[in-house]
Amino acid sequence: MSESIAEKIKNYRTAPFDARFPNTNQTRNCFQNYLDFHRCNKALSSKGQDVTPCQWYQKVYDSLCPMSWVEEWDEQVENGSFPGKI
């Protein structure tokens, strides 16, 4: 893992601007980062690689998403009923 990624994760304060989600409502941004985190973890874990870069997505969705949503989505992932494609 490069030092620049580790430094970005360490110095993270709040979600940066994402041109895919220019509107005030950040619901889709929240959901997309949740999906990206789980996809990243799944992809790197299956290859036996370090999953530390995936923490970036986790920090973004933690700062954007209400915790009640994240808890519900985590339960759905565990039960196999999550609506997103991971």
N, C-alpha and C. Protein backbone atom coordinates (compact mmCIF):
# COMPACT_ATOMS: atom_id res chain seq x y z
N MET A 1 0.85 -1.18 0.00
CA MET A 1 0.00 0.00 0.00
C MET A 1 0.89 1.23 0.00
N SER A 2 0.53 2.18 -0.82
CA SER A 2 1.35 3.38 -0.88
C SER A 2 1.09 4.28 0.31
N GLU A 3 2.07 5.07 0.67
CA GLU A 3 1.95 6.00 1.80
C GLU A 3 0.89 7.06 1.55
N SER A 4 0.69 7.44 0.30
CA SER A 4 -0.29 8.49 0.02
C SER A 4 -1.70 8.05 0.41
N ILE A 5 -2.06 6.80 0.17
CA ILE A 5 -3.38 6.30 0.55
C ILE A 5 -3.50 6.27 2.07
N ALA A 6 -2.46 5.78 2.73
CA ALA A 6 -2.48 5.73 4.20
C ALA A 6 -2.59 7.12 4.79
N GLU A 7 -1.89 8.08 4.20
CA GLU A 7 -1.96 9.46 4.68
C GLU A 7 -3.35 10.05 4.47
N LYS A 8 -3.96 9.79 3.33
CA LYS A 8 -5.30 10.30 3.06
C LYS A 8 -6.30 9.74 4.06
N ILE A 9 -6.20 8.46 4.36
CA ILE A 9 -7.10 7.84 5.32
C ILE A 9 -6.87 8.42 6.71
N LYS A 10 -5.62 8.60 7.07
CA LYS A 10 -5.28 9.15 8.39
C LYS A 10 -5.78 10.58 8.55
N ASN A 11 -5.66 11.38 7.51
CA ASN A 11 -6.03 12.81 7.56
C ASN A 11 -7.47 13.07 7.16
N TYR A 12 -8.28 12.04 7.00
CA TYR A 12 -9.66 12.19 6.56
C TYR A 12 -10.46 13.02 7.56
N ARG A 13 -11.22 14.00 7.05
CA ARG A 13 -12.08 14.83 7.91
C ARG A 13 -13.55 14.67 7.56
N THR A 14 -13.88 14.85 6.27
CA THR A 14 -15.26 14.72 5.82
C THR A 14 -15.25 14.30 4.35
N ALA A 15 -16.40 13.87 3.88
CA ALA A 15 -16.50 13.37 2.51
C ALA A 15 -16.15 14.47 1.51
N PRO A 16 -15.25 14.19 0.57
CA PRO A 16 -14.91 15.18 -0.45
C PRO A 16 -16.02 15.28 -1.49
N PHE A 17 -15.97 16.32 -2.30
CA PHE A 17 -16.95 16.48 -3.37
C PHE A 17 -16.81 15.34 -4.36
N ASP A 18 -17.92 14.78 -4.77
CA ASP A 18 -17.95 13.73 -5.77
C ASP A 18 -18.82 14.22 -6.93
N ALA A 19 -18.25 14.40 -8.09
CA ALA A 19 -18.97 14.95 -9.24
C ALA A 19 -20.14 14.09 -9.68
N ARG A 20 -20.14 12.82 -9.30
CA ARG A 20 -21.28 11.96 -9.65
C ARG A 20 -22.53 12.34 -8.88
N PHE A 21 -22.36 13.05 -7.75
CA PHE A 21 -23.48 13.41 -6.89
C PHE A 21 -23.42 14.90 -6.57
N PRO A 22 -23.75 15.76 -7.55
CA PRO A 22 -23.59 17.20 -7.35
C PRO A 22 -24.68 17.86 -6.52
N ASN A 23 -25.79 17.17 -6.29
CA ASN A 23 -26.91 17.77 -5.59
C ASN A 23 -26.71 17.77 -4.07
N THR A 24 -27.55 18.54 -3.41
CA THR A 24 -27.49 18.63 -1.95
C THR A 24 -27.82 17.29 -1.30
N ASN A 25 -28.80 16.58 -1.84
CA ASN A 25 -29.20 15.29 -1.28
C ASN A 25 -28.09 14.26 -1.54
N GLN A 26 -27.49 13.76 -0.49
CA GLN A 26 -26.34 12.86 -0.62
C GLN A 26 -26.69 11.40 -0.34
N THR A 27 -27.98 11.06 -0.43
CA THR A 27 -28.42 9.70 -0.17
C THR A 27 -27.76 8.70 -1.10
N ARG A 28 -27.75 8.99 -2.40
CA ARG A 28 -27.14 8.07 -3.36
C ARG A 28 -25.64 7.96 -3.14
N ASN A 29 -25.01 9.05 -2.77
CA ASN A 29 -23.57 9.04 -2.48
C ASN A 29 -23.29 8.12 -1.29
N CYS A 30 -24.11 8.25 -0.26
CA CYS A 30 -23.99 7.40 0.92
C CYS A 30 -24.08 5.93 0.54
N PHE A 31 -25.14 5.57 -0.20
CA PHE A 31 -25.37 4.19 -0.58
C PHE A 31 -24.26 3.66 -1.47
N GLN A 32 -23.80 4.46 -2.43
CA GLN A 32 -22.75 4.03 -3.35
C GLN A 32 -21.44 3.75 -2.61
N ASN A 33 -21.10 4.59 -1.64
CA ASN A 33 -19.87 4.36 -0.88
C ASN A 33 -19.98 3.13 0.01
N TYR A 34 -21.19 2.85 0.51
CA TYR A 34 -21.40 1.62 1.29
C TYR A 34 -21.16 0.41 0.38
N LEU A 35 -21.74 0.43 -0.82
CA LEU A 35 -21.53 -0.65 -1.78
C LEU A 35 -20.05 -0.78 -2.15
N ASP A 36 -19.40 0.35 -2.44
CA ASP A 36 -17.99 0.33 -2.84
C ASP A 36 -17.11 -0.26 -1.74
N PHE A 37 -17.42 0.05 -0.49
CA PHE A 37 -16.64 -0.51 0.63
C PHE A 37 -16.74 -2.03 0.64
N HIS A 38 -17.95 -2.55 0.53
CA HIS A 38 -18.13 -4.00 0.58
C HIS A 38 -17.57 -4.69 -0.66
N ARG A 39 -17.70 -4.06 -1.81
CA ARG A 39 -17.13 -4.63 -3.04
C ARG A 39 -15.61 -4.65 -2.97
N CYS A 40 -15.03 -3.57 -2.46
CA CYS A 40 -13.58 -3.48 -2.32
C CYS A 40 -13.07 -4.58 -1.37
N ASN A 41 -13.74 -4.70 -0.21
CA ASN A 41 -13.35 -5.73 0.75
C ASN A 41 -13.44 -7.12 0.14
N LYS A 42 -14.53 -7.38 -0.57
CA LYS A 42 -14.73 -8.70 -1.18
C LYS A 42 -13.66 -8.99 -2.23
N ALA A 43 -13.37 -8.00 -3.08
CA ALA A 43 -12.40 -8.19 -4.16
C ALA A 43 -10.99 -8.39 -3.62
N LEU A 44 -10.57 -7.55 -2.68
CA LEU A 44 -9.20 -7.66 -2.17
C LEU A 44 -9.03 -8.88 -1.27
N SER A 45 -10.06 -9.22 -0.50
CA SER A 45 -9.97 -10.40 0.36
C SER A 45 -9.85 -11.67 -0.46
N SER A 46 -10.60 -11.74 -1.57
CA SER A 46 -10.55 -12.95 -2.40
C SER A 46 -9.18 -13.13 -3.05
N LYS A 47 -8.44 -12.03 -3.23
CA LYS A 47 -7.09 -12.09 -3.81
C LYS A 47 -6.01 -12.21 -2.75
N GLY A 48 -6.43 -12.16 -1.48
CA GLY A 48 -5.46 -12.25 -0.39
C GLY A 48 -4.65 -10.98 -0.20
N GLN A 49 -5.18 -9.85 -0.64
CA GLN A 49 -4.47 -8.57 -0.53
C GLN A 49 -4.95 -7.80 0.69
N ASP A 50 -4.18 -6.79 1.03
CA ASP A 50 -4.51 -5.92 2.16
C ASP A 50 -5.75 -5.10 1.83
N VAL A 51 -6.72 -5.08 2.76
CA VAL A 51 -7.99 -4.36 2.54
C VAL A 51 -7.97 -2.95 3.12
N THR A 52 -6.82 -2.46 3.54
CA THR A 52 -6.72 -1.13 4.13
C THR A 52 -7.23 -0.02 3.19
N PRO A 53 -6.97 -0.06 1.88
CA PRO A 53 -7.50 1.01 1.01
C PRO A 53 -9.03 1.10 1.05
N CYS A 54 -9.71 0.04 1.40
CA CYS A 54 -11.17 0.04 1.46
C CYS A 54 -11.69 0.91 2.61
N GLN A 55 -10.84 1.19 3.56
CA GLN A 55 -11.26 2.01 4.69
C GLN A 55 -11.68 3.41 4.24
N TRP A 56 -11.17 3.87 3.12
CA TRP A 56 -11.56 5.18 2.61
C TRP A 56 -13.07 5.22 2.39
N TYR A 57 -13.61 4.20 1.71
CA TYR A 57 -15.05 4.16 1.45
C TYR A 57 -15.84 4.09 2.76
N GLN A 58 -15.31 3.36 3.72
CA GLN A 58 -15.99 3.25 5.01
C GLN A 58 -16.04 4.61 5.71
N LYS A 59 -14.96 5.34 5.67
CA LYS A 59 -14.95 6.65 6.31
C LYS A 59 -15.92 7.61 5.61
N VAL A 60 -16.03 7.51 4.30
CA VAL A 60 -16.95 8.38 3.57
C VAL A 60 -18.39 8.04 3.93
N TYR A 61 -18.74 6.76 3.88
CA TYR A 61 -20.14 6.44 4.20
C TYR A 61 -20.44 6.65 5.67
N ASP A 62 -19.46 6.50 6.54
CA ASP A 62 -19.69 6.81 7.97
C ASP A 62 -20.01 8.28 8.18
N SER A 63 -19.40 9.16 7.37
CA SER A 63 -19.65 10.58 7.54
C SER A 63 -20.92 11.04 6.83
N LEU A 64 -21.39 10.29 5.83
CA LEU A 64 -22.57 10.69 5.08
C LEU A 64 -23.87 10.02 5.53
N CYS A 65 -23.78 8.77 5.92
CA CYS A 65 -24.97 7.97 6.18
C CYS A 65 -25.43 8.04 7.64
N PRO A 66 -26.74 8.07 7.85
CA PRO A 66 -27.24 7.92 9.22
C PRO A 66 -26.90 6.51 9.74
N MET A 67 -26.49 6.42 10.96
CA MET A 67 -26.06 5.13 11.51
C MET A 67 -27.18 4.10 11.52
N SER A 68 -28.42 4.54 11.63
CA SER A 68 -29.54 3.59 11.59
C SER A 68 -29.60 2.88 10.24
N TRP A 69 -29.29 3.60 9.16
CA TRP A 69 -29.27 2.97 7.84
C TRP A 69 -28.16 1.94 7.76
N VAL A 70 -26.99 2.31 8.24
CA VAL A 70 -25.83 1.41 8.17
C VAL A 70 -26.10 0.15 8.98
N GLU A 71 -26.68 0.30 10.15
CA GLU A 71 -26.99 -0.87 10.98
C GLU A 71 -27.99 -1.78 10.27
N GLU A 72 -29.00 -1.18 9.66
CA GLU A 72 -30.00 -1.98 8.93
C GLU A 72 -29.37 -2.68 7.74
N TRP A 73 -28.53 -1.96 6.99
CA TRP A 73 -27.87 -2.58 5.83
C TRP A 73 -26.94 -3.70 6.27
N ASP A 74 -26.22 -3.51 7.37
CA ASP A 74 -25.33 -4.57 7.88
C ASP A 74 -26.13 -5.82 8.22
N GLU A 75 -27.28 -5.64 8.84
CA GLU A 75 -28.14 -6.79 9.16
C GLU A 75 -28.62 -7.47 7.88
N GLN A 76 -28.99 -6.68 6.88
CA GLN A 76 -29.45 -7.25 5.62
C GLN A 76 -28.33 -8.00 4.91
N VAL A 77 -27.11 -7.48 4.97
CA VAL A 77 -25.97 -8.17 4.35
C VAL A 77 -25.76 -9.52 5.03
N GLU A 78 -25.83 -9.54 6.37
CA GLU A 78 -25.65 -10.78 7.12
C GLU A 78 -26.75 -11.80 6.79
N ASN A 79 -27.99 -11.31 6.61
CA ASN A 79 -29.13 -12.20 6.34
C ASN A 79 -29.24 -12.58 4.88
N GLY A 80 -28.48 -11.95 4.01
CA GLY A 80 -28.54 -12.22 2.59
C GLY A 80 -29.72 -11.55 1.90
N SER A 81 -30.30 -10.54 2.52
CA SER A 81 -31.45 -9.87 1.93
C SER A 81 -31.16 -8.43 1.51
N PHE A 82 -29.87 -8.09 1.42
CA PHE A 82 -29.49 -6.73 1.04
C PHE A 82 -29.85 -6.48 -0.41
N PRO A 83 -30.51 -5.34 -0.71
CA PRO A 83 -30.97 -5.10 -2.08
C PRO A 83 -29.86 -4.73 -3.08
N GLY A 84 -28.71 -4.28 -2.60
CA GLY A 84 -27.63 -3.89 -3.50
C GLY A 84 -26.82 -5.09 -3.98
N LYS A 85 -26.10 -4.90 -5.06
CA LYS A 85 -25.25 -5.96 -5.64
C LYS A 85 -23.83 -5.78 -5.11
N ILE A 86 -23.45 -6.66 -4.22
CA ILE A 86 -22.10 -6.61 -3.64
C ILE A 86 -21.25 -7.69 -4.26
